[in-house]
Amino acid sequence: RESDLTPLPDTELETRLGKDRYRIVRSIEELDRTVRTGRIGVEALPEFFTLLVLFFVGELALSNLFYREDQQDHASQIRPKAAA
């Protein structure tokens, strides 16, 4: 069986391997690209940096929100003492 190199129809490939479990390549360049993507994977660094920036922006917004409340409370406590 391994030495039988006759092409299989697409329906038989789906039956044997399952739908979307294989990729048909027509040229050496496609084969190289497919193998390289499978070995290395897809680059996730841009998405990671985007999430990191969103995290820091959210943290900055929350810290400013709490800092303003804290600063206003502190200012209201100091002013009556200075007036007396």
N, C-alpha and C. Protein backbone atom coordinates (compact mmCIF):
# COMPACT_ATOMS: atom_id res chain seq x y z
N ARG A 1 0.81 -1.20 0.00
CA ARG A 1 0.00 0.00 0.00
C ARG A 1 0.85 1.26 0.00
N GLU A 2 1.94 1.29 0.75
CA GLU A 2 2.75 2.50 0.80
C GLU A 2 3.38 2.84 -0.53
N SER A 3 3.59 1.84 -1.37
CA SER A 3 4.22 2.10 -2.66
C SER A 3 3.22 2.45 -3.75
N ASP A 4 1.94 2.40 -3.45
CA ASP A 4 0.91 2.76 -4.42
C ASP A 4 0.75 4.28 -4.42
N LEU A 5 1.20 4.94 -5.47
CA LEU A 5 1.21 6.39 -5.54
C LEU A 5 0.12 6.96 -6.44
N THR A 6 -0.93 6.20 -6.67
CA THR A 6 -2.03 6.73 -7.48
C THR A 6 -2.82 7.73 -6.65
N PRO A 7 -3.21 8.85 -7.26
CA PRO A 7 -3.95 9.88 -6.51
C PRO A 7 -5.32 9.38 -6.05
N LEU A 8 -5.71 9.81 -4.87
CA LEU A 8 -7.03 9.47 -4.33
C LEU A 8 -7.99 10.62 -4.61
N PRO A 9 -9.25 10.32 -4.86
CA PRO A 9 -10.23 11.40 -5.00
C PRO A 9 -10.45 12.10 -3.66
N ASP A 10 -10.92 13.35 -3.73
CA ASP A 10 -11.12 14.14 -2.51
C ASP A 10 -12.09 13.48 -1.54
N THR A 11 -13.10 12.81 -2.06
CA THR A 11 -14.08 12.18 -1.17
C THR A 11 -13.44 11.05 -0.36
N GLU A 12 -12.53 10.31 -0.98
CA GLU A 12 -11.87 9.24 -0.25
C GLU A 12 -10.88 9.80 0.77
N LEU A 13 -10.24 10.91 0.44
CA LEU A 13 -9.36 11.56 1.41
C LEU A 13 -10.14 12.00 2.64
N GLU A 14 -11.31 12.59 2.42
CA GLU A 14 -12.14 13.03 3.55
C GLU A 14 -12.61 11.84 4.38
N THR A 15 -12.91 10.73 3.71
CA THR A 15 -13.35 9.54 4.44
C THR A 15 -12.22 8.97 5.28
N ARG A 16 -11.04 8.89 4.73
CA ARG A 16 -9.91 8.29 5.44
C ARG A 16 -9.32 9.21 6.50
N LEU A 17 -9.17 10.49 6.19
CA LEU A 17 -8.46 11.39 7.09
C LEU A 17 -9.38 12.29 7.89
N GLY A 18 -10.57 12.55 7.39
CA GLY A 18 -11.48 13.47 8.05
C GLY A 18 -11.45 14.82 7.36
N LYS A 19 -12.58 15.52 7.42
CA LYS A 19 -12.67 16.81 6.75
C LYS A 19 -11.78 17.83 7.47
N ASP A 20 -11.09 18.66 6.70
CA ASP A 20 -10.19 19.71 7.19
C ASP A 20 -9.04 19.17 8.02
N ARG A 21 -8.64 17.92 7.80
CA ARG A 21 -7.51 17.35 8.50
C ARG A 21 -6.30 17.16 7.59
N TYR A 22 -6.40 17.66 6.39
CA TYR A 22 -5.30 17.53 5.43
C TYR A 22 -5.27 18.76 4.55
N ARG A 23 -4.15 18.95 3.88
CA ARG A 23 -3.99 20.08 2.96
C ARG A 23 -3.34 19.55 1.68
N ILE A 24 -3.91 19.91 0.56
CA ILE A 24 -3.36 19.51 -0.73
C ILE A 24 -2.48 20.65 -1.23
N VAL A 25 -1.23 20.31 -1.56
CA VAL A 25 -0.32 21.31 -2.11
C VAL A 25 0.00 20.93 -3.55
N ARG A 26 0.15 21.95 -4.38
CA ARG A 26 0.36 21.71 -5.80
C ARG A 26 1.78 22.03 -6.25
N SER A 27 2.56 22.73 -5.41
CA SER A 27 3.93 23.08 -5.83
C SER A 27 4.88 22.92 -4.64
N ILE A 28 6.16 22.96 -4.95
CA ILE A 28 7.19 22.85 -3.91
C ILE A 28 7.12 24.05 -2.97
N GLU A 29 6.83 25.24 -3.50
CA GLU A 29 6.75 26.43 -2.66
C GLU A 29 5.62 26.31 -1.64
N GLU A 30 4.47 25.80 -2.08
CA GLU A 30 3.35 25.59 -1.16
C GLU A 30 3.73 24.57 -0.09
N LEU A 31 4.44 23.52 -0.50
CA LEU A 31 4.87 22.50 0.44
C LEU A 31 5.82 23.09 1.47
N ASP A 32 6.79 23.87 1.02
CA ASP A 32 7.73 24.52 1.95
C ASP A 32 7.00 25.43 2.93
N ARG A 33 6.08 26.23 2.42
CA ARG A 33 5.32 27.16 3.27
C ARG A 33 4.49 26.40 4.30
N THR A 34 3.84 25.33 3.87
CA THR A 34 3.00 24.55 4.78
C THR A 34 3.83 23.88 5.86
N VAL A 35 4.96 23.30 5.47
CA VAL A 35 5.81 22.63 6.45
C VAL A 35 6.41 23.65 7.41
N ARG A 36 6.84 24.80 6.91
CA ARG A 36 7.42 25.84 7.77
C ARG A 36 6.40 26.35 8.77
N THR A 37 5.17 26.57 8.32
CA THR A 37 4.11 27.04 9.22
C THR A 37 3.81 25.99 10.28
N GLY A 38 3.82 24.73 9.89
CA GLY A 38 3.56 23.66 10.85
C GLY A 38 4.67 23.51 11.86
N ARG A 39 5.91 23.71 11.47
CA ARG A 39 7.03 23.57 12.39
C ARG A 39 7.16 24.77 13.31
N ILE A 40 7.09 25.95 12.75
CA ILE A 40 7.32 27.17 13.53
C ILE A 40 6.04 27.63 14.21
N GLY A 41 4.93 27.51 13.54
CA GLY A 41 3.67 28.00 14.07
C GLY A 41 3.38 29.40 13.56
N VAL A 42 2.33 29.96 14.07
CA VAL A 42 1.91 31.29 13.66
C VAL A 42 2.43 32.28 14.69
N GLU A 43 2.92 33.40 14.23
CA GLU A 43 3.50 34.39 15.14
C GLU A 43 2.40 35.02 15.99
N ALA A 44 2.58 34.99 17.29
CA ALA A 44 1.58 35.53 18.22
C ALA A 44 2.07 36.77 18.94
N LEU A 45 3.27 37.23 18.63
CA LEU A 45 3.84 38.37 19.34
C LEU A 45 3.04 39.65 19.16
N PRO A 46 2.57 40.00 17.97
CA PRO A 46 1.77 41.24 17.85
C PRO A 46 0.50 41.22 18.70
N GLU A 47 -0.18 40.09 18.76
CA GLU A 47 -1.38 39.99 19.59
C GLU A 47 -1.02 40.11 21.07
N PHE A 48 0.11 39.52 21.45
CA PHE A 48 0.55 39.61 22.84
C PHE A 48 0.83 41.04 23.24
N PHE A 49 1.54 41.79 22.38
CA PHE A 49 1.83 43.18 22.69
C PHE A 49 0.56 44.03 22.73
N THR A 50 -0.39 43.74 21.87
CA THR A 50 -1.66 44.47 21.89
C THR A 50 -2.37 44.24 23.22
N LEU A 51 -2.42 43.00 23.67
CA LEU A 51 -3.05 42.71 24.96
C LEU A 51 -2.29 43.36 26.11
N LEU A 52 -0.97 43.39 26.02
CA LEU A 52 -0.16 44.02 27.05
C LEU A 52 -0.43 45.51 27.13
N VAL A 53 -0.51 46.17 25.99
CA VAL A 53 -0.81 47.61 25.96
C VAL A 53 -2.21 47.87 26.51
N LEU A 54 -3.18 47.07 26.12
CA LEU A 54 -4.54 47.23 26.64
C LEU A 54 -4.59 47.03 28.16
N PHE A 55 -3.83 46.09 28.65
CA PHE A 55 -3.76 45.87 30.10
C PHE A 55 -3.21 47.09 30.81
N PHE A 56 -2.12 47.66 30.30
CA PHE A 56 -1.52 48.82 30.95
C PHE A 56 -2.41 50.05 30.85
N VAL A 57 -3.10 50.23 29.74
CA VAL A 57 -4.03 51.36 29.60
C VAL A 57 -5.18 51.20 30.59
N GLY A 58 -5.70 50.00 30.73
CA GLY A 58 -6.76 49.75 31.71
C GLY A 58 -6.29 49.97 33.13
N GLU A 59 -5.09 49.52 33.43
CA GLU A 59 -4.53 49.72 34.76
C GLU A 59 -4.33 51.20 35.04
N LEU A 60 -3.88 51.95 34.05
CA LEU A 60 -3.68 53.39 34.20
C LEU A 60 -5.01 54.09 34.45
N ALA A 61 -6.04 53.72 33.71
CA ALA A 61 -7.36 54.33 33.89
C ALA A 61 -7.91 54.04 35.28
N LEU A 62 -7.78 52.80 35.74
CA LEU A 62 -8.27 52.46 37.07
C LEU A 62 -7.48 53.16 38.17
N SER A 63 -6.17 53.22 38.02
CA SER A 63 -5.37 53.87 39.05
C SER A 63 -5.67 55.36 39.11
N ASN A 64 -5.87 56.01 37.97
CA ASN A 64 -6.24 57.42 37.97
C ASN A 64 -7.60 57.63 38.60
N LEU A 65 -8.53 56.73 38.38
CA LEU A 65 -9.86 56.84 38.96
C LEU A 65 -9.78 56.80 40.48
N PHE A 66 -9.05 55.84 41.03
CA PHE A 66 -8.94 55.72 42.48
C PHE A 66 -8.06 56.82 43.07
N TYR A 67 -7.05 57.25 42.35
CA TYR A 67 -6.16 58.29 42.85
C TYR A 67 -6.90 59.61 42.96
N ARG A 68 -7.75 59.94 42.01
CA ARG A 68 -8.53 61.18 42.06
C ARG A 68 -9.45 61.18 43.26
N GLU A 69 -10.12 60.07 43.54
CA GLU A 69 -11.00 59.99 44.71
C GLU A 69 -10.20 60.16 45.99
N ASP A 70 -9.06 59.51 46.06
CA ASP A 70 -8.20 59.59 47.23
C ASP A 70 -7.68 61.01 47.42
N GLN A 71 -7.30 61.66 46.35
CA GLN A 71 -6.76 63.01 46.40
C GLN A 71 -7.85 64.00 46.82
N GLN A 72 -9.08 63.85 46.33
CA GLN A 72 -10.17 64.74 46.71
C GLN A 72 -10.53 64.56 48.18
N ASP A 73 -10.53 63.34 48.68
CA ASP A 73 -10.80 63.10 50.10
C ASP A 73 -9.72 63.74 50.96
N HIS A 74 -8.49 63.61 50.55
CA HIS A 74 -7.37 64.18 51.29
C HIS A 74 -7.45 65.70 51.29
N ALA A 75 -7.80 66.32 50.17
CA ALA A 75 -7.90 67.78 50.07
C ALA A 75 -9.04 68.29 50.93
N SER A 76 -10.16 67.59 50.99
CA SER A 76 -11.29 68.05 51.80
C SER A 76 -10.98 67.94 53.29
N GLN A 77 -10.12 67.03 53.69
CA GLN A 77 -9.74 66.90 55.09
C GLN A 77 -8.75 67.99 55.50
N ILE A 78 -7.91 68.43 54.60
CA ILE A 78 -6.88 69.42 54.91
C ILE A 78 -7.47 70.82 54.96
N ARG A 79 -8.35 71.18 54.09
CA ARG A 79 -8.88 72.55 53.99
C ARG A 79 -9.57 73.03 55.27
N PRO A 80 -10.44 72.27 55.91
CA PRO A 80 -11.07 72.79 57.13
C PRO A 80 -10.05 73.06 58.24
N LYS A 81 -9.02 72.25 58.33
CA LYS A 81 -8.00 72.47 59.35
C LYS A 81 -7.23 73.76 59.08
N ALA A 82 -6.96 74.07 57.83
CA ALA A 82 -6.22 75.27 57.48
C ALA A 82 -7.06 76.52 57.73
N ALA A 83 -8.36 76.42 57.58
CA ALA A 83 -9.24 77.57 57.78
C ALA A 83 -9.41 77.88 59.26
N ALA A 84 -9.26 76.93 60.13
CA ALA A 84 -9.50 77.12 61.56
C ALA A 84 -8.37 77.78 62.26
